Amino acid sequence: MNKKEFAEALALKADLTVAQANKALDAFVDVVTEALQAGDSVQLVGFMTLKVSERAERPGRNPATGESIIIPAKKVVKFKAGKKLETAIE
C-alpha cells in the first residue's frame, strides 16, 4: 500500500475527503518525525512504538572488493509492533 492508497483508505474509514486525509497523514508524519528528532519515542498503545537508537561503529566488508571497511556509527529508528497489531496479523 502506497501513500495515495493509504490516504484513500483513511478517507473512507474516517469519512474525510482524500485531500483532508492527505493533510492528516502529512501532519502525522511531521509530528512523528519532529518527536524522533527531539529524541522522544512515539508510542501508540496496542499499535506500535517508534524510538531512536544509536548504532555503534562496526567493522564491515565491501561486497564488491572484499576490502575491510569501518561502518560509521549512526542513529536508526526502531519499530516495535504492539500487542493488538501482532495478534491482528496472526
N, C-alpha and C. Protein backbone atom coordinates (compact mmCIF):
# COMPACT_ATOMS: atom_id res chain seq x y z
N MET A 1 0.86 -1.17 0.00
CA MET A 1 0.00 0.00 0.00
C MET A 1 0.90 1.23 0.00
N ASN A 2 0.71 2.10 -0.97
CA ASN A 2 1.50 3.33 -1.02
C ASN A 2 0.73 4.47 -0.34
N LYS A 3 1.34 5.66 -0.33
CA LYS A 3 0.75 6.79 0.38
C LYS A 3 -0.62 7.16 -0.19
N LYS A 4 -0.75 7.16 -1.50
CA LYS A 4 -2.02 7.52 -2.13
C LYS A 4 -3.12 6.53 -1.73
N GLU A 5 -2.82 5.25 -1.80
CA GLU A 5 -3.79 4.22 -1.42
C GLU A 5 -4.14 4.32 0.06
N PHE A 6 -3.14 4.61 0.88
CA PHE A 6 -3.36 4.75 2.32
C PHE A 6 -4.29 5.93 2.59
N ALA A 7 -4.04 7.06 1.95
CA ALA A 7 -4.87 8.26 2.14
C ALA A 7 -6.30 8.00 1.69
N GLU A 8 -6.48 7.27 0.60
CA GLU A 8 -7.83 6.95 0.13
C GLU A 8 -8.55 6.04 1.13
N ALA A 9 -7.87 5.05 1.67
CA ALA A 9 -8.47 4.15 2.66
C ALA A 9 -8.79 4.91 3.94
N LEU A 10 -7.89 5.80 4.35
CA LEU A 10 -8.12 6.63 5.54
C LEU A 10 -9.33 7.52 5.33
N ALA A 11 -9.46 8.09 4.16
CA ALA A 11 -10.61 8.95 3.85
C ALA A 11 -11.91 8.17 3.98
N LEU A 12 -11.94 6.95 3.48
CA LEU A 12 -13.16 6.13 3.58
C LEU A 12 -13.49 5.78 5.03
N LYS A 13 -12.47 5.36 5.78
CA LYS A 13 -12.69 4.95 7.18
C LYS A 13 -13.11 6.10 8.08
N ALA A 14 -12.54 7.30 7.84
CA ALA A 14 -12.77 8.43 8.73
C ALA A 14 -13.80 9.42 8.19
N ASP A 15 -14.44 9.07 7.08
CA ASP A 15 -15.42 9.95 6.45
C ASP A 15 -14.84 11.33 6.17
N LEU A 16 -13.69 11.33 5.50
CA LEU A 16 -12.99 12.56 5.12
C LEU A 16 -12.87 12.60 3.61
N THR A 17 -12.53 13.77 3.10
CA THR A 17 -12.17 13.84 1.69
C THR A 17 -10.74 13.32 1.57
N VAL A 18 -10.34 12.94 0.37
CA VAL A 18 -8.98 12.47 0.16
C VAL A 18 -7.99 13.58 0.48
N ALA A 19 -8.32 14.83 0.16
CA ALA A 19 -7.45 15.96 0.47
C ALA A 19 -7.27 16.11 1.98
N GLN A 20 -8.36 15.97 2.74
CA GLN A 20 -8.27 16.06 4.20
C GLN A 20 -7.44 14.90 4.76
N ALA A 21 -7.63 13.73 4.20
CA ALA A 21 -6.87 12.56 4.66
C ALA A 21 -5.38 12.75 4.37
N ASN A 22 -5.05 13.28 3.19
CA ASN A 22 -3.65 13.56 2.87
C ASN A 22 -3.06 14.57 3.83
N LYS A 23 -3.83 15.60 4.15
CA LYS A 23 -3.35 16.62 5.09
C LYS A 23 -3.12 16.01 6.47
N ALA A 24 -4.03 15.16 6.93
CA ALA A 24 -3.88 14.50 8.22
C ALA A 24 -2.68 13.56 8.22
N LEU A 25 -2.50 12.84 7.14
CA LEU A 25 -1.36 11.92 7.03
C LEU A 25 -0.04 12.68 7.04
N ASP A 26 0.03 13.79 6.29
CA ASP A 26 1.23 14.62 6.29
C ASP A 26 1.52 15.18 7.68
N ALA A 27 0.47 15.61 8.39
CA ALA A 27 0.64 16.13 9.74
C ALA A 27 1.15 15.04 10.68
N PHE A 28 0.61 13.83 10.55
CA PHE A 28 1.06 12.70 11.37
C PHE A 28 2.54 12.42 11.16
N VAL A 29 2.95 12.38 9.90
CA VAL A 29 4.35 12.12 9.57
C VAL A 29 5.24 13.23 10.14
N ASP A 30 4.80 14.48 10.02
CA ASP A 30 5.58 15.61 10.55
C ASP A 30 5.73 15.52 12.06
N VAL A 31 4.64 15.22 12.76
CA VAL A 31 4.67 15.14 14.22
C VAL A 31 5.58 14.01 14.68
N VAL A 32 5.48 12.85 14.05
CA VAL A 32 6.33 11.71 14.41
C VAL A 32 7.80 12.05 14.15
N THR A 33 8.08 12.64 12.99
CA THR A 33 9.46 13.00 12.64
C THR A 33 10.04 13.99 13.64
N GLU A 34 9.27 15.02 13.98
CA GLU A 34 9.75 16.02 14.94
C GLU A 34 10.00 15.41 16.31
N ALA A 35 9.12 14.51 16.75
CA ALA A 35 9.30 13.86 18.05
C ALA A 35 10.57 13.02 18.06
N LEU A 36 10.81 12.25 16.99
CA LEU A 36 12.00 11.41 16.94
C LEU A 36 13.27 12.26 16.84
N GLN A 37 13.21 13.37 16.10
CA GLN A 37 14.36 14.27 16.01
C GLN A 37 14.69 14.87 17.38
N ALA A 38 13.68 15.08 18.20
CA ALA A 38 13.88 15.65 19.53
C ALA A 38 14.34 14.60 20.54
N GLY A 39 14.43 13.34 20.10
CA GLY A 39 14.90 12.28 20.99
C GLY A 39 13.79 11.60 21.75
N ASP A 40 12.54 11.94 21.47
CA ASP A 40 11.40 11.30 22.14
C ASP A 40 11.04 10.01 21.41
N SER A 41 10.30 9.15 22.09
CA SER A 41 9.75 7.98 21.43
C SER A 41 8.28 8.27 21.14
N VAL A 42 7.72 7.54 20.20
CA VAL A 42 6.31 7.68 19.86
C VAL A 42 5.65 6.34 20.14
N GLN A 43 4.66 6.35 21.03
CA GLN A 43 4.00 5.11 21.41
C GLN A 43 2.50 5.26 21.21
N LEU A 44 1.96 4.40 20.36
CA LEU A 44 0.52 4.29 20.18
C LEU A 44 0.16 2.94 20.76
N VAL A 45 -0.36 2.96 21.99
CA VAL A 45 -0.57 1.74 22.77
C VAL A 45 -1.40 0.74 21.98
N GLY A 46 -0.90 -0.48 21.92
CA GLY A 46 -1.55 -1.55 21.21
C GLY A 46 -1.18 -1.63 19.75
N PHE A 47 -0.62 -0.53 19.20
CA PHE A 47 -0.31 -0.50 17.78
C PHE A 47 1.19 -0.56 17.52
N MET A 48 1.95 0.43 18.05
CA MET A 48 3.38 0.46 17.76
C MET A 48 4.12 1.40 18.70
N THR A 49 5.42 1.19 18.74
CA THR A 49 6.33 2.11 19.41
C THR A 49 7.49 2.37 18.45
N LEU A 50 7.84 3.64 18.29
CA LEU A 50 8.99 4.06 17.50
C LEU A 50 9.95 4.76 18.43
N LYS A 51 11.24 4.45 18.32
CA LYS A 51 12.23 5.16 19.11
C LYS A 51 13.54 5.21 18.35
N VAL A 52 14.35 6.21 18.68
CA VAL A 52 15.66 6.38 18.06
C VAL A 52 16.67 5.60 18.88
N SER A 53 17.52 4.86 18.19
CA SER A 53 18.55 4.06 18.84
C SER A 53 19.89 4.38 18.18
N GLU A 54 20.95 4.30 18.95
CA GLU A 54 22.30 4.53 18.44
C GLU A 54 22.88 3.21 17.95
N ARG A 55 23.36 3.20 16.73
CA ARG A 55 24.06 2.02 16.20
C ARG A 55 25.55 2.33 16.25
N ALA A 56 26.31 1.51 16.93
CA ALA A 56 27.74 1.75 17.13
C ALA A 56 28.52 1.53 15.82
N GLU A 57 29.69 2.15 15.77
CA GLU A 57 30.61 1.91 14.65
C GLU A 57 30.99 0.43 14.67
N ARG A 58 31.12 -0.16 13.48
CA ARG A 58 31.43 -1.59 13.44
C ARG A 58 32.22 -1.92 12.17
N PRO A 59 32.97 -2.99 12.20
CA PRO A 59 33.70 -3.40 11.00
C PRO A 59 32.75 -4.03 9.99
N GLY A 60 33.07 -3.87 8.74
CA GLY A 60 32.27 -4.46 7.67
C GLY A 60 33.17 -4.84 6.50
N ARG A 61 32.55 -5.26 5.43
CA ARG A 61 33.31 -5.67 4.25
C ARG A 61 32.60 -5.15 3.01
N ASN A 62 33.36 -4.53 2.11
CA ASN A 62 32.83 -4.08 0.84
C ASN A 62 32.53 -5.32 0.00
N PRO A 63 31.26 -5.57 -0.35
CA PRO A 63 30.94 -6.80 -1.08
C PRO A 63 31.53 -6.85 -2.49
N ALA A 64 31.78 -5.70 -3.07
CA ALA A 64 32.32 -5.68 -4.44
C ALA A 64 33.80 -6.04 -4.47
N THR A 65 34.56 -5.53 -3.48
CA THR A 65 36.02 -5.73 -3.50
C THR A 65 36.53 -6.68 -2.43
N GLY A 66 35.71 -6.92 -1.40
CA GLY A 66 36.15 -7.76 -0.29
C GLY A 66 36.99 -7.00 0.72
N GLU A 67 37.22 -5.71 0.47
CA GLU A 67 38.03 -4.87 1.34
C GLU A 67 37.33 -4.64 2.68
N SER A 68 38.09 -4.69 3.78
CA SER A 68 37.55 -4.39 5.10
C SER A 68 37.34 -2.89 5.22
N ILE A 69 36.19 -2.52 5.79
CA ILE A 69 35.88 -1.10 6.00
C ILE A 69 35.30 -0.93 7.39
N ILE A 70 35.24 0.32 7.83
CA ILE A 70 34.58 0.64 9.09
C ILE A 70 33.26 1.31 8.74
N ILE A 71 32.16 0.73 9.21
CA ILE A 71 30.84 1.31 9.02
C ILE A 71 30.63 2.31 10.16
N PRO A 72 30.40 3.58 9.84
CA PRO A 72 30.31 4.60 10.89
C PRO A 72 29.06 4.43 11.77
N ALA A 73 29.15 4.98 12.98
CA ALA A 73 28.02 4.98 13.89
C ALA A 73 26.93 5.87 13.32
N LYS A 74 25.67 5.54 13.64
CA LYS A 74 24.57 6.39 13.21
C LYS A 74 23.34 6.11 14.06
N LYS A 75 22.38 7.01 13.95
CA LYS A 75 21.10 6.84 14.64
C LYS A 75 20.14 6.14 13.69
N VAL A 76 19.35 5.22 14.25
CA VAL A 76 18.35 4.50 13.47
C VAL A 76 17.02 4.51 14.22
N VAL A 77 15.93 4.38 13.49
CA VAL A 77 14.61 4.31 14.11
C VAL A 77 14.24 2.84 14.28
N LYS A 78 13.85 2.49 15.48
CA LYS A 78 13.43 1.12 15.78
C LYS A 78 11.91 1.09 15.90
N PHE A 79 11.29 0.08 15.28
CA PHE A 79 9.85 -0.12 15.32
C PHE A 79 9.56 -1.36 16.12
N LYS A 80 8.59 -1.26 17.03
CA LYS A 80 8.14 -2.44 17.77
C LYS A 80 6.63 -2.50 17.66
N ALA A 81 6.12 -3.59 17.14
CA ALA A 81 4.68 -3.75 17.00
C ALA A 81 4.02 -3.93 18.36
N GLY A 82 2.85 -3.36 18.51
CA GLY A 82 2.07 -3.52 19.73
C GLY A 82 1.32 -4.83 19.73
N LYS A 83 0.79 -5.19 20.88
CA LYS A 83 0.10 -6.48 21.06
C LYS A 83 -1.10 -6.63 20.13
N LYS A 84 -1.93 -5.58 20.00
CA LYS A 84 -3.12 -5.68 19.15
C LYS A 84 -2.73 -5.88 17.69
N LEU A 85 -1.69 -5.18 17.25
CA LEU A 85 -1.22 -5.33 15.87
C LEU A 85 -0.68 -6.73 15.63
N GLU A 86 0.10 -7.22 16.58
CA GLU A 86 0.67 -8.57 16.43
C GLU A 86 -0.41 -9.63 16.35
N THR A 87 -1.42 -9.53 17.22
CA THR A 87 -2.48 -10.54 17.20
C THR A 87 -3.39 -10.40 15.99
N ALA A 88 -3.51 -9.20 15.45
CA ALA A 88 -4.38 -8.98 14.29
C ALA A 88 -3.81 -9.62 13.02
N ILE A 89 -2.48 -9.76 12.94
CA ILE A 89 -1.89 -10.30 11.72
C ILE A 89 -1.55 -11.78 11.82
N GLU A 90 -1.83 -12.40 12.94
CA GLU A 90 -1.55 -13.83 13.09
C GLU A 90 -2.44 -14.67 12.23
